[in-house]
Amino acid sequence: MRIREMAGIVDAEIIQGAFEDAELAGGYTSDLLSDVMAHAKAGEALITIQAHKNTVAVASLIGAPAIVVCNGRPVPEDMVEAARDEGIAIVRTDLSQYEVSGRLWKALRG
């Protein structure tokens, strides 16, 4: 599944659209960025409510091509700019992390 397809599956709007529509290897759900650094794998979408610039830095460090911001959280412009610089997609959904994770798991396994 590619990033744009994933955005549709989780009813998300694309906030930062200057990215390569890469194939996703999976997803990793966490709000603790040190946990993400320790356990997420390259190619996985980061599913979180952490909507700030540091989230982009962590996504870049681990090789996450996309960040899914849940619960309709506002995404600050400095986060969008940082993601644009790194070529990382940001999508925002009103769904919870639980719902997003379940939908992506089902889509990737089905």
PDB file of N, CA and C in Angstrom:
ATOM      1  N   MET A   1       0.833  -1.162   0.000  1.00  0.00           N
ATOM      2  CA  MET A   1       0.000   0.000   0.000  1.00  0.00           C
ATOM      3  C   MET A   1       0.887   1.238   0.000  1.00  0.00           C
ATOM      4  N   ARG A   2       0.507   2.192  -0.818  1.00  0.00           N
ATOM      5  CA  ARG A   2       1.247   3.447  -0.890  1.00  0.00           C
ATOM      6  C   ARG A   2       0.650   4.480   0.072  1.00  0.00           C
ATOM      7  N   ILE A   3       1.397   5.540   0.313  1.00  0.00           N
ATOM      8  CA  ILE A   3       1.005   6.551   1.296  1.00  0.00           C
ATOM      9  C   ILE A   3      -0.362   7.158   0.970  1.00  0.00           C
ATOM     10  N   ARG A   4      -0.586   7.529  -0.262  1.00  0.00           N
ATOM     11  CA  ARG A   4      -1.863   8.160  -0.630  1.00  0.00           C
ATOM     12  C   ARG A   4      -3.031   7.193  -0.437  1.00  0.00           C
ATOM     13  N   GLU A   5      -2.819   5.924  -0.718  1.00  0.00           N
ATOM     14  CA  GLU A   5      -3.858   4.918  -0.475  1.00  0.00           C
ATOM     15  C   GLU A   5      -4.134   4.795   1.024  1.00  0.00           C
ATOM     16  N   MET A   6      -3.079   4.807   1.819  1.00  0.00           N
ATOM     17  CA  MET A   6      -3.216   4.734   3.273  1.00  0.00           C
ATOM     18  C   MET A   6      -4.040   5.904   3.791  1.00  0.00           C
ATOM     19  N   ALA A   7      -3.804   7.094   3.249  1.00  0.00           N
ATOM     20  CA  ALA A   7      -4.561   8.274   3.680  1.00  0.00           C
ATOM     21  C   ALA A   7      -6.056   8.062   3.455  1.00  0.00           C
ATOM     22  N   GLY A   8      -6.413   7.444   2.361  1.00  0.00           N
ATOM     23  CA  GLY A   8      -7.818   7.157   2.095  1.00  0.00           C
ATOM     24  C   GLY A   8      -8.398   6.142   3.059  1.00  0.00           C
ATOM     25  N   ILE A   9      -7.637   5.143   3.388  1.00  0.00           N
ATOM     26  CA  ILE A   9      -8.099   4.083   4.282  1.00  0.00           C
ATOM     27  C   ILE A   9      -8.399   4.619   5.679  1.00  0.00           C
ATOM     28  N   VAL A  10      -7.632   5.619   6.110  1.00  0.00           N
ATOM     29  CA  VAL A  10      -7.831   6.158   7.462  1.00  0.00           C
ATOM     30  C   VAL A  10      -8.580   7.495   7.445  1.00  0.00           C
ATOM     31  N   ASP A  11      -9.245   7.785   6.325  1.00  0.00           N
ATOM     32  CA  ASP A  11     -10.054   9.011   6.207  1.00  0.00           C
ATOM     33  C   ASP A  11      -9.255  10.256   6.577  1.00  0.00           C
ATOM     34  N   ALA A  12      -8.051  10.356   6.044  1.00  0.00           N
ATOM     35  CA  ALA A  12      -7.154  11.450   6.415  1.00  0.00           C
ATOM     36  C   ALA A  12      -7.049  12.483   5.302  1.00  0.00           C
ATOM     37  N   GLU A  13      -6.766  13.699   5.706  1.00  0.00           N
ATOM     38  CA  GLU A  13      -6.426  14.736   4.745  1.00  0.00           C
ATOM     39  C   GLU A  13      -4.910  14.835   4.683  1.00  0.00           C
ATOM     40  N   ILE A  14      -4.392  15.086   3.500  1.00  0.00           N
ATOM     41  CA  ILE A  14      -2.948  15.234   3.343  1.00  0.00           C
ATOM     42  C   ILE A  14      -2.590  16.680   3.680  1.00  0.00           C
ATOM     43  N   ILE A  15      -1.804  16.837   4.724  1.00  0.00           N
ATOM     44  CA  ILE A  15      -1.388  18.163   5.202  1.00  0.00           C
ATOM     45  C   ILE A  15      -0.101  18.598   4.514  1.00  0.00           C
ATOM     46  N   GLN A  16       0.826  17.666   4.337  1.00  0.00           N
ATOM     47  CA  GLN A  16       2.111  17.942   3.675  1.00  0.00           C
ATOM     48  C   GLN A  16       2.202  16.950   2.519  1.00  0.00           C
ATOM     49  N   GLY A  17       2.036  17.483   1.301  1.00  0.00           N
ATOM     50  CA  GLY A  17       1.927  16.608   0.137  1.00  0.00           C
ATOM     51  C   GLY A  17       3.136  16.542  -0.764  1.00  0.00           C
ATOM     52  N   ALA A  18       4.261  17.151  -0.391  1.00  0.00           N
ATOM     53  CA  ALA A  18       5.474  17.109  -1.208  1.00  0.00           C
ATOM     54  C   ALA A  18       6.320  15.917  -0.766  1.00  0.00           C
ATOM     55  N   PHE A  19       5.928  14.721  -1.226  1.00  0.00           N
ATOM     56  CA  PHE A  19       6.631  13.497  -0.838  1.00  0.00           C
ATOM     57  C   PHE A  19       6.529  12.484  -1.968  1.00  0.00           C
ATOM     58  N   GLU A  20       7.431  11.516  -1.932  1.00  0.00           N
ATOM     59  CA  GLU A  20       7.351  10.384  -2.850  1.00  0.00           C
ATOM     60  C   GLU A  20       6.275   9.444  -2.310  1.00  0.00           C
ATOM     61  N   ASP A  21       5.375   9.011  -3.168  1.00  0.00           N
ATOM     62  CA  ASP A  21       4.276   8.137  -2.738  1.00  0.00           C
ATOM     63  C   ASP A  21       4.814   6.711  -2.553  1.00  0.00           C
ATOM     64  N   ALA A  22       5.571   6.536  -1.496  1.00  0.00           N
ATOM     65  CA  ALA A  22       6.300   5.289  -1.245  1.00  0.00           C
ATOM     66  C   ALA A  22       5.374   4.173  -0.771  1.00  0.00           C
ATOM     67  N   GLU A  23       5.840   2.973  -0.980  1.00  0.00           N
ATOM     68  CA  GLU A  23       5.174   1.777  -0.470  1.00  0.00           C
ATOM     69  C   GLU A  23       5.442   1.703   1.038  1.00  0.00           C
ATOM     70  N   LEU A  24       4.390   1.448   1.821  1.00  0.00           N
ATOM     71  CA  LEU A  24       4.547   1.331   3.268  1.00  0.00           C
ATOM     72  C   LEU A  24       4.797  -0.125   3.659  1.00  0.00           C
ATOM     73  N   ALA A  25       5.732  -0.313   4.580  1.00  0.00           N
ATOM     74  CA  ALA A  25       6.043  -1.649   5.088  1.00  0.00           C
ATOM     75  C   ALA A  25       5.162  -2.012   6.273  1.00  0.00           C
ATOM     76  N   GLY A  26       4.494  -1.013   6.860  1.00  0.00           N
ATOM     77  CA  GLY A  26       3.673  -1.232   8.046  1.00  0.00           C
ATOM     78  C   GLY A  26       3.460   0.085   8.743  1.00  0.00           C
ATOM     79  N   GLY A  27       3.161   0.006  10.020  1.00  0.00           N
ATOM     80  CA  GLY A  27       2.958   1.198  10.817  1.00  0.00           C
ATOM     81  C   GLY A  27       3.487   0.966  12.226  1.00  0.00           C
ATOM     82  N   TYR A  28       3.789   2.047  12.900  1.00  0.00           N
ATOM     83  CA  TYR A  28       4.219   1.967  14.286  1.00  0.00           C
ATOM     84  C   TYR A  28       3.461   3.036  15.066  1.00  0.00           C
ATOM     85  N   THR A  29       2.782   2.638  16.123  1.00  0.00           N
ATOM     86  CA  THR A  29       1.948   3.533  16.901  1.00  0.00           C
ATOM     87  C   THR A  29       2.585   3.811  18.251  1.00  0.00           C
ATOM     88  N   SER A  30       2.887   5.083  18.493  1.00  0.00           N
ATOM     89  CA  SER A  30       3.446   5.481  19.778  1.00  0.00           C
ATOM     90  C   SER A  30       3.457   6.996  19.878  1.00  0.00           C
ATOM     91  N   ASP A  31       3.343   7.484  21.104  1.00  0.00           N
ATOM     92  CA  ASP A  31       3.483   8.912  21.363  1.00  0.00           C
ATOM     93  C   ASP A  31       4.788   9.216  22.084  1.00  0.00           C
ATOM     94  N   LEU A  32       5.513   8.195  22.439  1.00  0.00           N
ATOM     95  CA  LEU A  32       6.788   8.360  23.120  1.00  0.00           C
ATOM     96  C   LEU A  32       7.888   8.271  22.057  1.00  0.00           C
ATOM     97  N   LEU A  33       8.476   9.406  21.718  1.00  0.00           N
ATOM     98  CA  LEU A  33       9.402   9.431  20.595  1.00  0.00           C
ATOM     99  C   LEU A  33      10.637   8.580  20.831  1.00  0.00           C
ATOM    100  N   SER A  34      11.079   8.422  22.062  1.00  0.00           N
ATOM    101  CA  SER A  34      12.213   7.529  22.333  1.00  0.00           C
ATOM    102  C   SER A  34      11.829   6.078  22.033  1.00  0.00           C
ATOM    103  N   ASP A  35      10.579   5.715  22.268  1.00  0.00           N
ATOM    104  CA  ASP A  35      10.089   4.379  21.924  1.00  0.00           C
ATOM    105  C   ASP A  35      10.095   4.191  20.414  1.00  0.00           C
ATOM    106  N   VAL A  36       9.674   5.205  19.690  1.00  0.00           N
ATOM    107  CA  VAL A  36       9.681   5.148  18.228  1.00  0.00           C
ATOM    108  C   VAL A  36      11.105   4.941  17.728  1.00  0.00           C
ATOM    109  N   MET A  37      12.045   5.695  18.267  1.00  0.00           N
ATOM    110  CA  MET A  37      13.446   5.560  17.841  1.00  0.00           C
ATOM    111  C   MET A  37      13.984   4.160  18.120  1.00  0.00           C
ATOM    112  N   ALA A  38      13.548   3.567  19.211  1.00  0.00           N
ATOM    113  CA  ALA A  38      14.069   2.251  19.597  1.00  0.00           C
ATOM    114  C   ALA A  38      13.423   1.096  18.840  1.00  0.00           C
ATOM    115  N   HIS A  39      12.168   1.265  18.391  1.00  0.00           N
ATOM    116  CA  HIS A  39      11.452   0.095  17.881  1.00  0.00           C
ATOM    117  C   HIS A  39      10.857   0.207  16.483  1.00  0.00           C
ATOM    118  N   ALA A  40      10.594   1.393  15.995  1.00  0.00           N
ATOM    119  CA  ALA A  40      10.005   1.532  14.657  1.00  0.00           C
ATOM    120  C   ALA A  40      11.045   1.168  13.608  1.00  0.00           C
ATOM    121  N   LYS A  41      10.543   0.714  12.471  1.00  0.00           N
ATOM    122  CA  LYS A  41      11.429   0.298  11.375  1.00  0.00           C
ATOM    123  C   LYS A  41      11.248   1.218  10.174  1.00  0.00           C
ATOM    124  N   ALA A  42      12.292   1.316   9.390  1.00  0.00           N
ATOM    125  CA  ALA A  42      12.242   2.117   8.168  1.00  0.00           C
ATOM    126  C   ALA A  42      11.093   1.622   7.296  1.00  0.00           C
ATOM    127  N   GLY A  43      10.411   2.557   6.680  1.00  0.00           N
ATOM    128  CA  GLY A  43       9.312   2.225   5.788  1.00  0.00           C
ATOM    129  C   GLY A  43       7.957   2.139   6.453  1.00  0.00           C
ATOM    130  N   GLU A  44       7.918   2.260   7.788  1.00  0.00           N
ATOM    131  CA  GLU A  44       6.650   2.222   8.507  1.00  0.00           C
ATOM    132  C   GLU A  44       6.117   3.636   8.699  1.00  0.00           C
ATOM    133  N   ALA A  45       4.794   3.786   8.618  1.00  0.00           N
ATOM    134  CA  ALA A  45       4.157   5.065   8.941  1.00  0.00           C
ATOM    135  C   ALA A  45       4.149   5.220  10.458  1.00  0.00           C
ATOM    136  N   LEU A  46       4.422   6.424  10.917  1.00  0.00           N
ATOM    137  CA  LEU A  46       4.368   6.727  12.344  1.00  0.00           C
ATOM    138  C   LEU A  46       2.966   7.229  12.672  1.00  0.00           C
ATOM    139  N   ILE A  47       2.276   6.531  13.565  1.00  0.00           N
ATOM    140  CA  ILE A  47       0.909   6.854  13.966  1.00  0.00           C
ATOM    141  C   ILE A  47       0.979   7.443  15.374  1.00  0.00           C
ATOM    142  N   THR A  48       0.532   8.711  15.518  1.00  0.00           N
ATOM    143  CA  THR A  48       0.775   9.415  16.772  1.00  0.00           C
ATOM    144  C   THR A  48      -0.185  10.584  16.949  1.00  0.00           C
ATOM    145  N   ILE A  49      -0.181  11.158  18.140  1.00  0.00           N
ATOM    146  CA  ILE A  49      -0.847  12.437  18.360  1.00  0.00           C
ATOM    147  C   ILE A  49       0.187  13.549  18.569  1.00  0.00           C
ATOM    148  N   GLN A  50       1.450  13.212  18.494  1.00  0.00           N
ATOM    149  CA  GLN A  50       2.527  14.182  18.688  1.00  0.00           C
ATOM    150  C   GLN A  50       2.687  15.037  17.433  1.00  0.00           C
ATOM    151  N   ALA A  51       2.090  16.200  17.435  1.00  0.00           N
ATOM    152  CA  ALA A  51       2.115  17.091  16.279  1.00  0.00           C
ATOM    153  C   ALA A  51       3.063  18.251  16.541  1.00  0.00           C
ATOM    154  N   HIS A  52       4.343  17.982  16.374  1.00  0.00           N
ATOM    155  CA  HIS A  52       5.342  19.032  16.500  1.00  0.00           C
ATOM    156  C   HIS A  52       6.582  18.656  15.706  1.00  0.00           C
ATOM    157  N   LYS A  53       7.470  19.601  15.583  1.00  0.00           N
ATOM    158  CA  LYS A  53       8.665  19.472  14.749  1.00  0.00           C
ATOM    159  C   LYS A  53       9.547  18.283  15.131  1.00  0.00           C
ATOM    160  N   ASN A  54       9.638  17.971  16.417  1.00  0.00           N
ATOM    161  CA  ASN A  54      10.484  16.850  16.851  1.00  0.00           C
ATOM    162  C   ASN A  54       9.988  15.510  16.296  1.00  0.00           C
ATOM    163  N   THR A  55       8.686  15.404  16.058  1.00  0.00           N
ATOM    164  CA  THR A  55       8.131  14.183  15.479  1.00  0.00           C
ATOM    165  C   THR A  55       8.718  13.960  14.087  1.00  0.00           C
ATOM    166  N   VAL A  56       8.875  15.023  13.334  1.00  0.00           N
ATOM    167  CA  VAL A  56       9.462  14.930  11.999  1.00  0.00           C
ATOM    168  C   VAL A  56      10.922  14.500  12.095  1.00  0.00           C
ATOM    169  N   ALA A  57      11.647  15.044  13.046  1.00  0.00           N
ATOM    170  CA  ALA A  57      13.056  14.670  13.213  1.00  0.00           C
ATOM    171  C   ALA A  57      13.184  13.181  13.507  1.00  0.00           C
ATOM    172  N   VAL A  58      12.325  12.663  14.356  1.00  0.00           N
ATOM    173  CA  VAL A  58      12.362  11.238  14.691  1.00  0.00           C
ATOM    174  C   VAL A  58      11.962  10.403  13.474  1.00  0.00           C
ATOM    175  N   ALA A  59      10.920  10.828  12.760  1.00  0.00           N
ATOM    176  CA  ALA A  59      10.500  10.097  11.559  1.00  0.00           C
ATOM    177  C   ALA A  59      11.634  10.037  10.545  1.00  0.00           C
ATOM    178  N   SER A  60      12.341  11.134  10.376  1.00  0.00           N
ATOM    179  CA  SER A  60      13.483  11.171   9.456  1.00  0.00           C
ATOM    180  C   SER A  60      14.588  10.235   9.913  1.00  0.00           C
ATOM    181  N   LEU A  61      14.867  10.253  11.200  1.00  0.00           N
ATOM    182  CA  LEU A  61      15.919   9.405  11.773  1.00  0.00           C
ATOM    183  C   LEU A  61      15.657   7.922  11.530  1.00  0.00           C
ATOM    184  N   ILE A  62      14.410   7.502  11.667  1.00  0.00           N
ATOM    185  CA  ILE A  62      14.095   6.069  11.524  1.00  0.00           C
ATOM    186  C   ILE A  62      13.727   5.683  10.099  1.00  0.00           C
ATOM    187  N   GLY A  63      13.547   6.667   9.222  1.00  0.00           N
ATOM    188  CA  GLY A  63      13.190   6.366   7.840  1.00  0.00           C
ATOM    189  C   GLY A  63      11.701   6.144   7.623  1.00  0.00           C
ATOM    190  N   ALA A  64      10.874   6.808   8.439  1.00  0.00           N
ATOM    191  CA  ALA A  64       9.417   6.725   8.252  1.00  0.00           C
ATOM    192  C   ALA A  64       9.021   7.679   7.130  1.00  0.00           C
ATOM    193  N   PRO A  65       8.342   7.190   6.099  1.00  0.00           N
ATOM    194  CA  PRO A  65       7.963   8.062   4.985  1.00  0.00           C
ATOM    195  C   PRO A  65       6.718   8.902   5.254  1.00  0.00           C
ATOM    196  N   ALA A  66       5.992   8.583   6.342  1.00  0.00           N
ATOM    197  CA  ALA A  66       4.739   9.283   6.619  1.00  0.00           C
ATOM    198  C   ALA A  66       4.459   9.343   8.109  1.00  0.00           C
ATOM    199  N   ILE A  67       3.800  10.425   8.506  1.00  0.00           N
ATOM    200  CA  ILE A  67       3.312  10.600   9.870  1.00  0.00           C
ATOM    201  C   ILE A  67       1.799  10.739   9.795  1.00  0.00           C
ATOM    202  N   VAL A  68       1.100   9.942  10.584  1.00  0.00           N
ATOM    203  CA  VAL A  68      -0.352  10.038  10.676  1.00  0.00           C
ATOM    204  C   VAL A  68      -0.667  10.698  12.017  1.00  0.00           C
ATOM    205  N   VAL A  69      -1.187  11.915  11.957  1.00  0.00           N
ATOM    206  CA  VAL A  69      -1.564  12.642  13.165  1.00  0.00           C
ATOM    207  C   VAL A  69      -3.042  12.343  13.437  1.00  0.00           C
ATOM    208  N   CYS A  70      -3.304  11.788  14.600  1.00  0.00           N
ATOM    209  CA  CYS A  70      -4.651  11.311  14.942  1.00  0.00           C
ATOM    210  C   CYS A  70      -5.426  12.315  15.790  1.00  0.00           C
ATOM    211  N   ASN A  71      -6.691  12.002  15.991  1.00  0.00           N
ATOM    212  CA  ASN A  71      -7.605  12.788  16.824  1.00  0.00           C
ATOM    213  C   ASN A  71      -7.798  14.219  16.327  1.00  0.00           C
ATOM    214  N   GLY A  72      -7.556  14.450  15.039  1.00  0.00           N
ATOM    215  CA  GLY A  72      -7.772  15.766  14.461  1.00  0.00           C
ATOM    216  C   GLY A  72      -6.905  16.870  15.032  1.00  0.00           C
ATOM    217  N   ARG A  73      -5.781  16.491  15.607  1.00  0.00           N
ATOM    218  CA  ARG A  73      -4.886  17.470  16.230  1.00  0.00           C
ATOM    219  C   ARG A  73      -4.432  18.514  15.217  1.00  0.00           C
ATOM    220  N   PRO A  74      -4.302  19.750  15.638  1.00  0.00           N
ATOM    221  CA  PRO A  74      -3.764  20.767  14.730  1.00  0.00           C
ATOM    222  C   PRO A  74      -2.282  20.487  14.450  1.00  0.00           C
ATOM    223  N   VAL A  75      -1.876  20.756  13.220  1.00  0.00           N
ATOM    224  CA  VAL A  75      -0.488  20.538  12.812  1.00  0.00           C
ATOM    225  C   VAL A  75       0.146  21.912  12.593  1.00  0.00           C
ATOM    226  N   PRO A  76       1.146  22.265  13.410  1.00  0.00           N
ATOM    227  CA  PRO A  76       1.757  23.589  13.279  1.00  0.00           C
ATOM    228  C   PRO A  76       2.570  23.724  11.987  1.00  0.00           C
ATOM    229  N   GLU A  77       2.671  24.943  11.521  1.00  0.00           N
ATOM    230  CA  GLU A  77       3.362  25.211  10.260  1.00  0.00           C
ATOM    231  C   GLU A  77       4.836  24.809  10.310  1.00  0.00           C
ATOM    232  N   ASP A  78       5.505  24.951  11.453  1.00  0.00           N
ATOM    233  CA  ASP A  78       6.925  24.558  11.502  1.00  0.00           C
ATOM    234  C   ASP A  78       7.078  23.046  11.332  1.00  0.00           C
ATOM    235  N   MET A  79       6.090  22.284  11.746  1.00  0.00           N
ATOM    236  CA  MET A  79       6.119  20.835  11.523  1.00  0.00           C
ATOM    237  C   MET A  79       5.955  20.532  10.034  1.00  0.00           C
ATOM    238  N   VAL A  80       5.035  21.239   9.395  1.00  0.00           N
ATOM    239  CA  VAL A  80       4.802  21.052   7.957  1.00  0.00           C
ATOM    240  C   VAL A  80       6.064  21.403   7.178  1.00  0.00           C
ATOM    241  N   GLU A  81       6.691  22.514   7.522  1.00  0.00           N
ATOM    242  CA  GLU A  81       7.918  22.936   6.837  1.00  0.00           C
ATOM    243  C   GLU A  81       9.042  21.913   7.016  1.00  0.00           C
ATOM    244  N   ALA A  82       9.204  21.406   8.230  1.00  0.00           N
ATOM    245  CA  ALA A  82      10.246  20.408   8.490  1.00  0.00           C
ATOM    246  C   ALA A  82       9.978  19.136   7.685  1.00  0.00           C
ATOM    247  N   ALA A  83       8.728  18.719   7.624  1.00  0.00           N
ATOM    248  CA  ALA A  83       8.379  17.518   6.866  1.00  0.00           C
ATOM    249  C   ALA A  83       8.604  17.738   5.371  1.00  0.00           C
ATOM    250  N   ARG A  84       8.275  18.916   4.885  1.00  0.00           N
ATOM    251  CA  ARG A  84       8.510  19.230   3.472  1.00  0.00           C
ATOM    252  C   ARG A  84      10.002  19.141   3.161  1.00  0.00           C
ATOM    253  N   ASP A  85      10.827  19.696   4.040  1.00  0.00           N
ATOM    254  CA  ASP A  85      12.281  19.644   3.849  1.00  0.00           C
ATOM    255  C   ASP A  85      12.798  18.211   3.810  1.00  0.00           C
ATOM    256  N   GLU A  86      12.171  17.319   4.564  1.00  0.00           N
ATOM    257  CA  GLU A  86      12.609  15.918   4.652  1.00  0.00           C
ATOM    258  C   GLU A  86      11.880  14.999   3.657  1.00  0.00           C
ATOM    259  N   GLY A  87      10.853  15.528   2.983  1.00  0.00           N
ATOM    260  CA  GLY A  87      10.082  14.706   2.051  1.00  0.00           C
ATOM    261  C   GLY A  87       9.194  13.689   2.752  1.00  0.00           C
ATOM    262  N   ILE A  88       8.762  14.008   3.963  1.00  0.00           N
ATOM    263  CA  ILE A  88       7.909  13.115   4.758  1.00  0.00           C
ATOM    264  C   ILE A  88       6.471  13.599   4.667  1.00  0.00           C
ATOM    265  N   ALA A  89       5.570  12.690   4.350  1.00  0.00           N
ATOM    266  CA  ALA A  89       4.149  13.017   4.277  1.00  0.00           C
ATOM    267  C   ALA A  89       3.595  13.225   5.681  1.00  0.00           C
ATOM    268  N   ILE A  90       2.686  14.179   5.803  1.00  0.00           N
ATOM    269  CA  ILE A  90       1.896  14.314   7.032  1.00  0.00           C
ATOM    270  C   ILE A  90       0.439  14.231   6.618  1.00  0.00           C
ATOM    271  N   VAL A  91      -0.273  13.298   7.246  1.00  0.00           N
ATOM    272  CA  VAL A  91      -1.713  13.205   7.043  1.00  0.00           C
ATOM    273  C   VAL A  91      -2.381  13.329   8.404  1.00  0.00           C
ATOM    274  N   ARG A  92      -3.583  13.912   8.397  1.00  0.00           N
ATOM    275  CA  ARG A  92      -4.308  14.102   9.653  1.00  0.00           C
ATOM    276  C   ARG A  92      -5.693  13.463   9.532  1.00  0.00           C
ATOM    277  N   THR A  93      -6.081  12.767  10.599  1.00  0.00           N
ATOM    278  CA  THR A  93      -7.377  12.126  10.645  1.00  0.00           C
ATOM    279  C   THR A  93      -8.053  12.422  11.980  1.00  0.00           C
ATOM    280  N   ASP A  94      -9.366  12.363  11.974  1.00  0.00           N
ATOM    281  CA  ASP A  94     -10.113  12.501  13.225  1.00  0.00           C
ATOM    282  C   ASP A  94     -10.175  11.185  13.989  1.00  0.00           C
ATOM    283  N   LEU A  95      -9.728  10.107  13.366  1.00  0.00           N
ATOM    284  CA  LEU A  95      -9.768   8.791  14.013  1.00  0.00           C
ATOM    285  C   LEU A  95      -8.740   8.709  15.141  1.00  0.00           C
ATOM    286  N   SER A  96      -8.990   7.785  16.069  1.00  0.00           N
ATOM    287  CA  SER A  96      -8.036   7.522  17.148  1.00  0.00           C
ATOM    288  C   SER A  96      -6.868   6.689  16.627  1.00  0.00           C
ATOM    289  N   GLN A  97      -5.825   6.630  17.412  1.00  0.00           N
ATOM    290  CA  GLN A  97      -4.669   5.792  17.054  1.00  0.00           C
ATOM    291  C   GLN A  97      -5.079   4.320  16.956  1.00  0.00           C
ATOM    292  N   TYR A  98      -5.964   3.900  17.831  1.00  0.00           N
ATOM    293  CA  TYR A  98      -6.458   2.524  17.824  1.00  0.00           C
ATOM    294  C   TYR A  98      -7.142   2.206  16.496  1.00  0.00           C
ATOM    295  N   GLU A  99      -8.038   3.086  16.075  1.00  0.00           N
ATOM    296  CA  GLU A  99      -8.777   2.877  14.828  1.00  0.00           C
ATOM    297  C   GLU A  99      -7.836   2.890  13.622  1.00  0.00           C
ATOM    298  N   VAL A 100      -6.920   3.852  13.571  1.00  0.00           N
ATOM    299  CA  VAL A 100      -5.964   3.935  12.466  1.00  0.00           C
ATOM    300  C   VAL A 100      -5.116   2.675  12.407  1.00  0.00           C
ATOM    301  N   SER A 101      -4.597   2.257  13.555  1.00  0.00           N
ATOM    302  CA  SER A 101      -3.744   1.063  13.593  1.00  0.00           C
ATOM    303  C   SER A 101      -4.502  -0.165  13.108  1.00  0.00           C
ATOM    304  N   GLY A 102      -5.743  -0.314  13.552  1.00  0.00           N
ATOM    305  CA  GLY A 102      -6.545  -1.458  13.142  1.00  0.00           C
ATOM    306  C   GLY A 102      -6.825  -1.456  11.650  1.00  0.00           C
ATOM    307  N   ARG A 103      -7.182  -0.317  11.112  1.00  0.00           N
ATOM    308  CA  ARG A 103      -7.471  -0.235   9.678  1.00  0.00           C
ATOM    309  C   ARG A 103      -6.229  -0.541   8.833  1.00  0.00           C
ATOM    310  N   LEU A 104      -5.100   0.001   9.249  1.00  0.00           N
ATOM    311  CA  LEU A 104      -3.875  -0.257   8.484  1.00  0.00           C
ATOM    312  C   LEU A 104      -3.436  -1.706   8.605  1.00  0.00           C
ATOM    313  N   TRP A 105      -3.536  -2.263   9.790  1.00  0.00           N
ATOM    314  CA  TRP A 105      -3.175  -3.668   9.965  1.00  0.00           C
ATOM    315  C   TRP A 105      -4.029  -4.545   9.061  1.00  0.00           C
ATOM    316  N   LYS A 106      -5.326  -4.292   9.066  1.00  0.00           N
ATOM    317  CA  LYS A 106      -6.240  -5.080   8.241  1.00  0.00           C
ATOM    318  C   LYS A 106      -5.916  -4.913   6.749  1.00  0.00           C
ATOM    319  N   ALA A 107      -5.690  -3.689   6.315  1.00  0.00           N
ATOM    320  CA  ALA A 107      -5.395  -3.439   4.901  1.00  0.00           C
ATOM    321  C   ALA A 107      -4.089  -4.083   4.462  1.00  0.00           C
ATOM    322  N   LEU A 108      -3.098  -4.054   5.329  1.00  0.00           N
ATOM    323  CA  LEU A 108      -1.790  -4.622   4.970  1.00  0.00           C
ATOM    324  C   LEU A 108      -1.770  -6.149   5.046  1.00  0.00           C
ATOM    325  N   ARG A 109      -2.635  -6.723   5.876  1.00  0.00           N
ATOM    326  CA  ARG A 109      -2.682  -8.186   6.042  1.00  0.00           C
ATOM    327  C   ARG A 109      -3.692  -8.848   5.123  1.00  0.00           C
ATOM    328  N   GLY A 110      -4.675  -8.042   4.660  1.00  0.00           N
ATOM    329  CA  GLY A 110      -5.779  -8.600   3.887  1.00  0.00           C
ATOM    330  C   GLY A 110      -5.457  -8.695   2.473  1.00  0.00           C
TER     331      GLY A 110
END
